[in-house]
Every structure is written in C-alpha cells, then in structure tokens.
Protein backbone atom coordinates (compact mmCIF):
# COMPACT_ATOMS: atom_id res chain seq x y z
CA MET A 1 -12.32 5.63 -30.34
CA ALA A 2 -12.45 3.43 -27.48
CA VAL A 3 -8.53 1.91 -26.25
CA ASP A 4 -9.46 -1.80 -24.95
CA ALA A 5 -7.39 -3.75 -23.08
CA ALA A 6 -5.58 -5.04 -25.85
CA LEU A 7 -4.28 -1.63 -27.01
CA SER A 8 -3.31 -0.20 -23.49
CA ALA A 9 -0.98 -3.27 -23.31
CA GLN A 10 1.19 -1.83 -25.99
CA ALA A 11 3.86 0.93 -24.80
CA LEU A 12 3.36 4.22 -26.76
CA PRO A 13 6.90 6.47 -27.05
CA ALA A 14 6.77 9.06 -24.47
CA GLY A 15 6.27 11.91 -27.11
CA ALA A 16 3.20 10.55 -28.39
CA ALA A 17 2.10 9.58 -24.89
CA LEU A 18 2.62 13.35 -24.30
CA ASP A 19 0.54 14.25 -27.28
CA LEU A 20 -2.51 12.32 -26.86
CA VAL A 21 -2.58 13.34 -22.89
CA ARG A 22 -2.45 17.24 -24.30
CA SER A 23 -4.59 16.39 -26.91
CA LEU A 24 -7.57 15.24 -24.82
CA SER A 25 -9.50 16.78 -21.72
CA PRO A 26 -10.01 14.39 -18.55
CA ALA A 27 -13.55 13.65 -19.64
CA ASP A 28 -12.29 12.70 -23.29
CA LEU A 29 -9.32 10.40 -21.62
CA ALA A 30 -11.77 8.48 -19.67
CA ASP A 31 -13.83 7.61 -23.27
CA VAL A 32 -10.94 6.84 -24.91
CA PHE A 33 -9.12 4.85 -22.15
CA ARG A 34 -11.90 2.50 -20.79
CA VAL A 35 -9.15 0.55 -19.23
CA PRO A 36 -7.43 3.82 -17.18
CA ILE A 37 -3.57 2.72 -17.80
CA LEU A 38 -0.89 4.11 -20.14
CA LEU A 39 1.98 2.24 -20.64
CA VAL A 40 5.22 4.97 -21.84
CA ASP A 41 7.94 3.14 -23.48
CA LEU A 42 11.06 4.84 -21.79
CA ALA A 43 13.27 3.42 -24.29
CA ASP A 44 14.10 6.72 -26.45
CA ALA A 45 12.12 9.16 -24.34
CA ARG A 46 13.51 12.61 -23.66
CA HIS A 47 13.54 13.75 -19.99
CA ALA A 48 11.30 16.96 -21.05
CA GLU A 49 8.86 14.58 -22.51
CA VAL A 50 8.07 12.53 -19.61
CA GLU A 51 8.37 15.45 -17.17
CA ALA A 52 5.61 16.93 -19.23
CA LEU A 53 3.58 13.60 -19.16
CA VAL A 54 3.57 13.37 -15.53
CA ALA A 55 3.24 17.24 -14.78
CA ARG A 56 -0.55 16.91 -16.46
CA ARG A 57 -1.59 14.74 -13.48
CA PRO A 58 -3.69 12.71 -16.01
CA PRO A 59 -6.76 10.29 -14.47
CA LEU A 60 -4.45 6.78 -15.58
CA VAL A 61 -2.27 4.80 -14.43
CA LEU A 62 1.36 5.96 -15.93
CA VAL A 63 3.65 2.92 -16.20
CA GLY A 64 7.32 3.12 -17.37
CA VAL A 65 8.52 0.10 -19.33
CA GLY A 66 12.14 -0.18 -20.51
CA PRO A 67 15.01 1.63 -18.45
CA GLY A 68 14.73 4.71 -20.53
CA THR A 69 17.88 7.53 -20.52
CA ASP A 70 17.14 9.10 -17.04
CA GLY A 71 19.44 6.64 -15.04
CA PRO A 72 18.41 3.97 -13.28
CA THR A 73 15.55 2.43 -12.32
CA ALA A 74 16.65 -0.19 -9.82
CA GLY A 75 18.36 0.27 -6.59
CA PRO A 76 17.87 0.47 -2.88
CA ALA A 77 14.61 1.09 -1.64
CA GLY A 78 13.09 4.40 -0.63
CA PRO A 79 12.80 7.53 -2.58
CA GLY A 80 15.79 9.67 -2.94
CA GLY A 81 18.81 6.57 -2.36
CA PRO A 82 21.60 6.03 -4.60
CA GLY A 83 19.99 3.64 -7.29
CA SER A 84 16.67 5.91 -7.27
CA PRO A 85 15.77 7.17 -10.69
CA ARG A 86 16.07 10.41 -12.00
CA PRO A 87 12.89 13.09 -10.92
CA ALA A 88 11.28 12.76 -14.28
CA VAL A 89 10.89 9.06 -14.99
CA ALA A 90 10.32 8.80 -11.02
CA GLY A 91 7.30 10.91 -11.69
CA LEU A 92 5.66 7.63 -13.17
CA ASP A 93 3.21 5.68 -10.93
CA VAL A 94 4.74 2.30 -11.32
CA LEU A 95 8.29 1.25 -13.00
CA LEU A 96 8.61 -2.16 -14.73
CA PRO A 97 12.63 -2.40 -14.13
CA GLU A 98 12.38 -1.57 -10.77
CA VAL A 99 9.65 -3.73 -9.40
CA LEU A 100 10.79 -6.90 -11.85
CA ALA A 101 13.49 -9.60 -11.09
CA PRO A 102 16.19 -9.89 -13.82
CA GLY A 103 14.70 -11.61 -16.87
CA ALA A 104 11.10 -11.25 -15.98
CA ASP A 105 8.84 -11.41 -18.51
CA VAL A 106 8.03 -7.59 -19.34
CA ASP A 107 4.94 -8.34 -21.60
CA ALA A 108 3.03 -10.67 -18.69
CA ALA A 109 3.65 -7.72 -16.11
CA ALA A 110 2.17 -4.95 -18.36
CA GLY A 111 -0.67 -7.45 -19.19
CA ALA A 112 -1.40 -8.40 -15.81
CA LEU A 113 -0.89 -4.51 -14.74
CA VAL A 114 -3.89 -4.49 -17.81
CA ARG A 115 -6.29 -6.69 -16.44
CA ALA A 116 -6.38 -5.29 -12.69
CA VAL A 117 -6.90 -1.69 -13.83
CA GLY A 118 -9.90 -2.96 -16.09
CA GLU A 119 -11.07 -4.74 -13.51
CA HIS A 120 -11.09 -2.20 -10.99
CA PRO A 121 -10.58 0.66 -12.59
CA GLU A 122 -11.96 3.46 -10.24
CA ALA A 123 -9.98 1.98 -7.36
CA ALA A 124 -6.79 2.01 -9.29
CA VAL A 125 -7.41 5.64 -10.61
CA ALA A 126 -8.16 6.66 -6.88
CA LEU A 127 -4.68 4.75 -5.63
CA VAL A 128 -2.48 6.52 -7.83
CA GLY A 129 -3.88 9.77 -7.54
CA LEU A 130 -3.67 9.10 -3.67
CA LEU A 131 -0.06 7.85 -4.04
CA ARG A 132 0.89 11.18 -5.98
CA MET A 133 -0.65 13.66 -3.29
CA SER A 134 0.64 11.54 -0.08
CA GLU A 135 3.96 11.67 -1.19
CA ARG A 136 4.01 15.14 -0.42
CA LEU A 137 1.99 15.23 2.57
CA GLY A 138 3.33 14.75 6.05
CA PRO A 139 2.11 10.87 7.58
CA LEU A 140 -1.01 12.10 9.94
CA ASP A 141 -2.50 14.18 6.69
CA GLY A 142 -1.46 11.37 4.43
CA LEU A 143 -3.59 9.19 6.46
CA VAL A 144 -6.90 11.67 6.23
CA ALA A 145 -6.35 11.71 2.65
CA GLU A 146 -6.10 7.88 2.75
CA SER A 147 -9.13 7.32 5.08
CA LEU A 148 -11.23 10.17 2.63
CA ALA A 149 -10.08 7.95 -0.80
CA TYR A 150 -11.06 4.66 1.39
CA SER A 151 -14.37 5.79 2.55
CA THR A 152 -15.08 7.17 -1.14
CA LEU A 153 -14.80 3.74 -2.55
CA LEU A 154 -16.73 2.12 0.31
CA ALA A 155 -19.84 3.65 -1.47
CA GLY A 156 -18.75 2.41 -4.74
CA ALA A 157 -20.48 -0.25 -6.85
CA ASP A 158 -17.05 -2.30 -7.23
CA PHE A 159 -16.77 -2.63 -3.56
CA GLY A 160 -20.95 -3.29 -3.13
CA ARG A 161 -20.43 -6.19 -6.11
CA TRP A 162 -17.89 -7.83 -3.71
CA LEU A 163 -19.63 -7.25 -0.64
CA ALA A 164 -22.55 -8.64 -2.14
CA ALA A 165 -20.64 -11.98 -3.52
CA ARG A 166 -18.92 -12.63 -0.25
CA PRO A 167 -20.30 -15.49 1.75
CA GLN A 168 -22.34 -14.61 5.27
CA ARG A 169 -19.60 -15.04 8.07
CA GLY A 170 -20.13 -14.51 11.72
CA HIS A 171 -17.79 -12.35 13.49
CA ARG A 172 -15.66 -14.13 16.10
CA PHE A 173 -15.20 -12.89 19.31
CA SER A 174 -11.79 -12.77 21.28
CA ALA A 175 -11.63 -12.29 24.80
CA GLN A 176 -8.09 -10.79 24.67
CA PRO A 177 -7.50 -9.77 21.47
CA LEU A 178 -4.01 -7.77 22.98
CA LEU A 179 -1.89 -9.17 25.43
CA THR A 180 0.82 -6.96 27.30
CA ARG A 181 3.98 -7.73 29.06
CA ARG A 182 6.45 -5.31 30.68
CA ASP A 183 9.86 -6.07 30.46
CA GLY A 184 12.12 -3.33 32.09
CA ASP A 185 11.68 -0.45 30.53
CA ARG A 186 10.48 -2.23 27.41
CA LEU A 187 6.32 -3.01 26.80
CA VAL A 188 5.40 -5.85 24.55
CA LEU A 189 2.23 -6.14 22.82
CA THR A 190 0.99 -9.22 21.01
CA PHE A 191 -1.86 -9.09 18.84
CA ASN A 192 -3.40 -12.41 20.04
CA ARG A 193 -6.18 -13.63 17.87
CA PRO A 194 -4.32 -16.59 16.58
CA GLU A 195 -7.89 -18.35 15.73
CA ALA A 196 -8.70 -15.63 13.22
CA ARG A 197 -4.73 -15.06 12.02
CA ASN A 198 -4.82 -12.18 14.09
CA ALA A 199 -7.11 -10.14 11.57
CA PHE A 200 -7.49 -6.71 12.89
CA ASP A 201 -11.08 -5.83 13.97
CA THR A 202 -12.25 -2.98 16.12
CA ALA A 203 -12.06 -4.87 19.56
CA THR A 204 -8.01 -5.00 18.64
CA ARG A 205 -7.97 -1.86 17.41
CA ASP A 206 -9.48 0.01 20.21
CA ALA A 207 -7.23 -2.42 22.76
CA PHE A 208 -3.90 -1.62 20.87
CA ILE A 209 -4.63 1.99 20.49
CA ALA A 210 -5.66 2.47 24.46
CA ALA A 211 -2.19 0.27 25.00
CA LEU A 212 -0.14 3.07 22.87
CA ARG A 213 -1.59 5.75 24.40
CA ALA A 214 -0.58 4.62 27.65
CA ALA A 215 2.58 4.15 26.64
CA SER A 216 2.89 7.18 25.06
CA ALA A 217 2.51 8.84 28.75
CA ASP A 218 4.75 6.42 30.30
CA GLY A 219 8.01 8.27 30.48
CA SER A 220 9.99 5.09 31.98
CA LEU A 221 9.45 3.27 28.70
CA THR A 222 12.40 3.59 26.02
CA GLU A 223 10.48 1.06 23.25
CA VAL A 224 7.42 -0.49 22.39
CA ALA A 225 7.61 -4.13 20.89
CA LEU A 226 4.79 -5.31 18.24
CA THR A 227 4.63 -9.15 18.16
CA ALA A 228 1.67 -11.50 17.22
CA ALA A 229 0.80 -15.23 18.55
CA GLY A 230 0.28 -18.02 16.04
CA PRO A 231 1.54 -18.70 12.32
CA ALA A 232 0.45 -15.58 11.47
CA PHE A 233 1.31 -11.60 12.03
CA GLY A 234 -1.66 -10.45 10.59
CA ALA A 235 -4.33 -11.70 8.12
CA GLY A 236 -5.24 -7.99 7.36
CA GLY A 237 -8.86 -6.21 8.47
CA ASP A 238 -11.71 -8.58 9.99
CA LEU A 239 -13.55 -8.89 6.76
CA THR A 240 -16.69 -10.02 8.78
CA GLN A 241 -16.88 -6.11 9.72
CA PHE A 242 -16.00 -4.66 5.86
CA GLY A 243 -19.13 -2.71 4.72
CA THR A 244 -21.03 -2.57 7.99
CA ALA A 245 -20.39 0.96 8.85
CA PRO A 246 -24.02 2.86 8.39
CA ASP A 247 -22.60 6.42 8.19
CA LEU A 248 -19.59 6.70 5.64
CA ALA A 249 -18.79 10.18 7.12
CA ALA A 250 -18.99 9.11 10.46
CA ALA A 251 -16.55 6.13 9.54
CA HIS A 252 -14.07 8.72 8.30
CA LEU A 253 -14.13 10.48 11.39
CA VAL A 254 -13.67 7.50 13.54
CA ARG A 255 -11.04 5.96 11.16
CA THR A 256 -8.50 9.29 11.31
CA GLY A 257 -9.46 9.92 15.27
CA ALA A 258 -8.40 6.04 16.07
CA SER A 259 -5.72 5.37 13.99
CA ALA A 260 -3.39 2.92 15.11
CA GLY A 261 -0.53 4.19 12.68
CA ALA A 262 -1.31 7.46 14.26
CA GLU A 263 -0.77 6.40 17.30
CA ILE A 264 2.72 4.64 16.37
CA VAL A 265 3.71 8.32 14.82
CA ARG A 266 3.07 9.84 17.92
CA CYS A 267 4.56 7.69 20.02
CA PRO A 268 7.52 8.97 22.03
CA HIS A 269 9.58 5.84 22.26
CA ARG A 270 10.95 3.56 20.01
CA VAL A 271 8.66 1.07 17.95
CA VAL A 272 9.50 -2.24 16.90
CA ALA A 273 7.77 -4.63 14.80
CA TYR A 274 8.95 -8.40 14.77
CA LEU A 275 6.83 -9.82 11.96
CA HIS A 276 6.76 -13.70 11.11
CA GLY A 277 4.15 -15.41 8.72
CA ALA A 278 1.81 -13.38 6.51
CA CYS A 279 1.52 -9.73 6.79
CA VAL A 280 -1.56 -9.02 4.67
CA GLY A 281 -3.27 -5.89 4.27
CA ALA A 282 -3.39 -4.01 7.61
CA GLY A 283 -1.17 -6.57 8.80
CA ILE A 284 1.64 -4.76 7.18
CA GLU A 285 0.44 -1.81 6.82
CA ILE A 286 0.21 -0.81 10.82
CA PRO A 287 3.57 -2.46 11.69
CA ALA A 288 5.34 -0.66 9.19
CA PHE A 289 5.23 2.66 10.90
CA ALA A 290 7.56 1.05 13.15
CA ASP A 291 11.28 2.77 13.52
CA ARG A 292 12.21 -0.65 12.92
CA VAL A 293 10.96 -3.64 11.59
CA VAL A 294 12.39 -7.20 11.78
CA ALA A 295 11.42 -10.11 9.82
CA GLY A 296 11.44 -13.79 9.99
CA PRO A 297 12.46 -15.90 6.88
CA ASP A 298 8.70 -17.01 6.13
CA LEU A 299 7.50 -13.63 5.82
CA ALA A 300 4.89 -13.25 3.26
CA VAL A 301 3.48 -9.84 2.38
CA GLN A 302 0.47 -8.53 0.25
CA LEU A 303 -1.52 -5.81 0.17
CA PRO A 304 -5.05 -7.01 -1.56
CA GLU A 305 -7.13 -4.28 -1.19
CA LEU A 306 -7.69 -3.32 -4.66
CA GLY A 307 -9.65 -6.98 -5.31
CA LEU A 308 -12.09 -5.86 -3.34
CA GLY A 309 -12.75 -2.02 -5.23
CA LEU A 310 -10.55 -0.67 -2.62
CA VAL A 311 -7.09 1.32 -1.77
CA PRO A 312 -5.48 0.13 2.01
CA GLY A 313 -7.30 1.88 4.90
CA ALA A 314 -5.14 1.24 7.60
CA GLY A 315 -2.56 3.37 6.56
CA GLY A 316 -0.19 1.50 4.26
CA THR A 317 -0.47 4.57 1.36
CA VAL A 318 1.73 6.38 3.69
CA SER A 319 3.78 3.44 5.65
CA VAL A 320 4.69 1.15 3.04
CA THR A 321 5.18 4.02 0.61
CA ARG A 322 7.56 5.88 3.20
CA ARG A 323 9.26 2.43 3.54
CA ILE A 324 9.44 1.54 -0.24
CA GLY A 325 8.44 4.71 -2.45
CA ARG A 326 5.01 4.96 -3.89
CA ARG A 327 6.08 3.19 -7.34
CA ARG A 328 6.72 0.00 -5.38
CA THR A 329 3.74 0.67 -3.71
CA ALA A 330 1.49 0.63 -6.49
CA TRP A 331 2.29 -1.65 -7.88
CA MET A 332 1.70 -4.48 -4.88
CA VAL A 333 -1.77 -2.92 -4.63
CA LEU A 334 -2.32 -3.33 -8.25
CA THR A 335 -1.09 -6.81 -8.51
CA GLY A 336 -1.62 -8.23 -5.07
CA THR A 337 1.55 -9.77 -5.39
CA PHE A 338 3.19 -11.40 -2.15
CA LEU A 339 6.42 -10.37 -1.66
CA ASP A 340 9.13 -12.65 0.39
CA ALA A 341 11.36 -11.60 2.97
CA PRO A 342 14.49 -11.53 0.84
CA THR A 343 12.47 -9.05 -1.86
CA ALA A 344 11.12 -7.03 1.42
CA LEU A 345 14.55 -6.70 3.19
CA ARG A 346 16.06 -5.77 -0.56
CA TRP A 347 13.40 -3.09 -0.94
CA GLY A 348 13.45 -1.82 2.25
CA LEU A 349 10.09 -2.75 3.72
CA VAL A 350 12.28 -4.44 6.65
CA ASP A 351 14.69 -3.74 7.79
CA GLU A 352 16.88 -6.95 9.25
CA VAL A 353 15.53 -10.63 8.41
CA VAL A 354 16.16 -13.08 11.43
CA ALA A 355 15.89 -16.81 11.86
CA SER A 356 13.51 -16.23 14.90
CA PRO A 357 12.02 -12.56 15.39
CA GLY A 358 11.36 -11.92 18.87
CA ARG A 359 7.88 -12.29 20.08
C-alpha cells in the first residue's frame, strides 16, 4: 500500500514508526512511502524507541513533532549546547520544535516538508543521508562526501527537468571578480560582481582560491577579511554555469581540488566574513567556513538547492552544519526558508549583527 502525501503528513507514535520501519526492507519502504518522509510524534515517545528508529538509518526524512520526553528541543545553536536535545531525539533529521517560532502552525510546517520532499524525493533523501554521515566526518572529508552526492544528483532527472525549463541566459563576464587590499597585517578580499549580485562563477572561484593560497603562504598576515561590493554579499552559484560540465566525474575532482571552503579551512590566519543583504546558496556556504561571521541587519540567508533537485554544493552541508547543526540545516534546505539576521544570530549562523559590517 502506498502512503500518499496526506497520510505522510500524519505523525505516527514513535513505537508504531519503529515497528513499521522494522517490518519492511529498504526497497519495501520506498514502495510504501512514495513520499519518503516519516513524521514521528514524540509526545509519549520512549527513549529506546526513538534511538532504535534512528539507528536503522531508513531512506526516509525523519521528522520529530512535539516536545517529547527527552528534554528540550530548542536552545542555543549548534549540537551539544546546553539547550540541545538528548541523543535519541537529536538523531532525527528535523525537529519542528527546534526550528519553529513559538505559536507557529506545526501542521502547516509539516505539510510544507511533505510537499517539498514529495516534489524532490531523491534530493531530499540524499540530503539527510549526507547530513547523517557528514556530522561524523572532518570538514575536508565532508566536502568530498558532499561533492559525491552533488555529482550524483547532477545526473538525475529532477535536475535535468529544472535545467530544461530554465530560460537560456548568457554568462556575464567580470573583468575583476575579486578585489584585494592590504591593510597592515590584514588582507581584505572583496567579491566584485555587483552587476550579478556577486554570483559565484568559476572565474570568481579561481581568483578567490589563488588569493587564499597566497595569503596562507604570507607569514606577515594575521587576518583575512571577506567582503562584497553592491547590495548583496552573494546570490549563490552562477546559474548560467549550472549543468555545463561535460564529465561529472571530472567535475567532482575539480570541485574537491579547487574548493573555496577547503582553502578557508586550511588558512592559518583568522578569517572573518562581513555579510550584508542576500546570502543565498554559495553566498552563505562559503563564508560560513570563516572563524567569525559578522552580519548586517538586512541579512537574508537561504539554501535553495532542493528546488533544483540538488543538495548544497559549495560546502554548506559542512560549514552551515558546523554552525547550526544538521537538523536546522536540513530544515533550511528542505523548506528553502529565508533566515533573517536575528534568527541567524540566535541559531549561531552568524556571530554578531552590527549596523554597518565592515566592507
């Protein structure tokens, strides 16, 4: 019997959810759950039931509904904080009490998740599987895992449909996509494609990586500042270059060998990102690797890749997850919701909100 979207939106008690998952093979689960999402009612859940459900790693998006009995589900951002949920509940992919504001419509949020997963099932399952694994990996290994998942989805029918439906647009050439300025022992790197809202293209990537590698070799530097020209810090990857790689295996090697996030991780100097305006996709995934992130009050953050049939591909499953935890990251990707500055600060995605972040 197939579970349609309406039935999938009904939360099952943890014990019933565990019995169902135990009784079916992964292939059978795919037949039963045509929308691969399982809402788990935590109201009367026992620790052992949730722990056993999570341990089975089903190919489903596991969503916790209700406060449960395992302690608080909301609190300071990041895993392991004083307000973090206990391990069994924390193993779920999304906890609605952790991401919703007090008084928010839980049924509407659950319905939005079901619709999103139903529209992009392969990418949704790939996302939560990647996040479950990535939290146990170091950042450089996490980037490799992300790229493998991203490359797989680039070959998928969902991304193919998005690509076919997208109007053809020419790539905007930028004569100087990155500006560099030395200020004493501080290097300022400024993304400089305001006409394209600083969309991250290959030329920007190559210039940015070259500047970071030069900075890493400069022992006289103590800090690298990341800024951007124009009204937006970054509109994400340049869509005109999506789907243009002729060889996805070779593209994976390029993506991991020329990773802006990896270069920030390797940089021996303190990296500080100063964000303003829209920070979408790569526009938040890359600066989230910084040691410190300062944002303006006009900040608007989004991870929109699921709508393309993809997962984040610029390091977001590593960088954003390290800051806010995988459950909140999964919520952001699955729903495509925008975070404002106060929420980003409360969750720990940014470290400070100031009136005029340094540019």
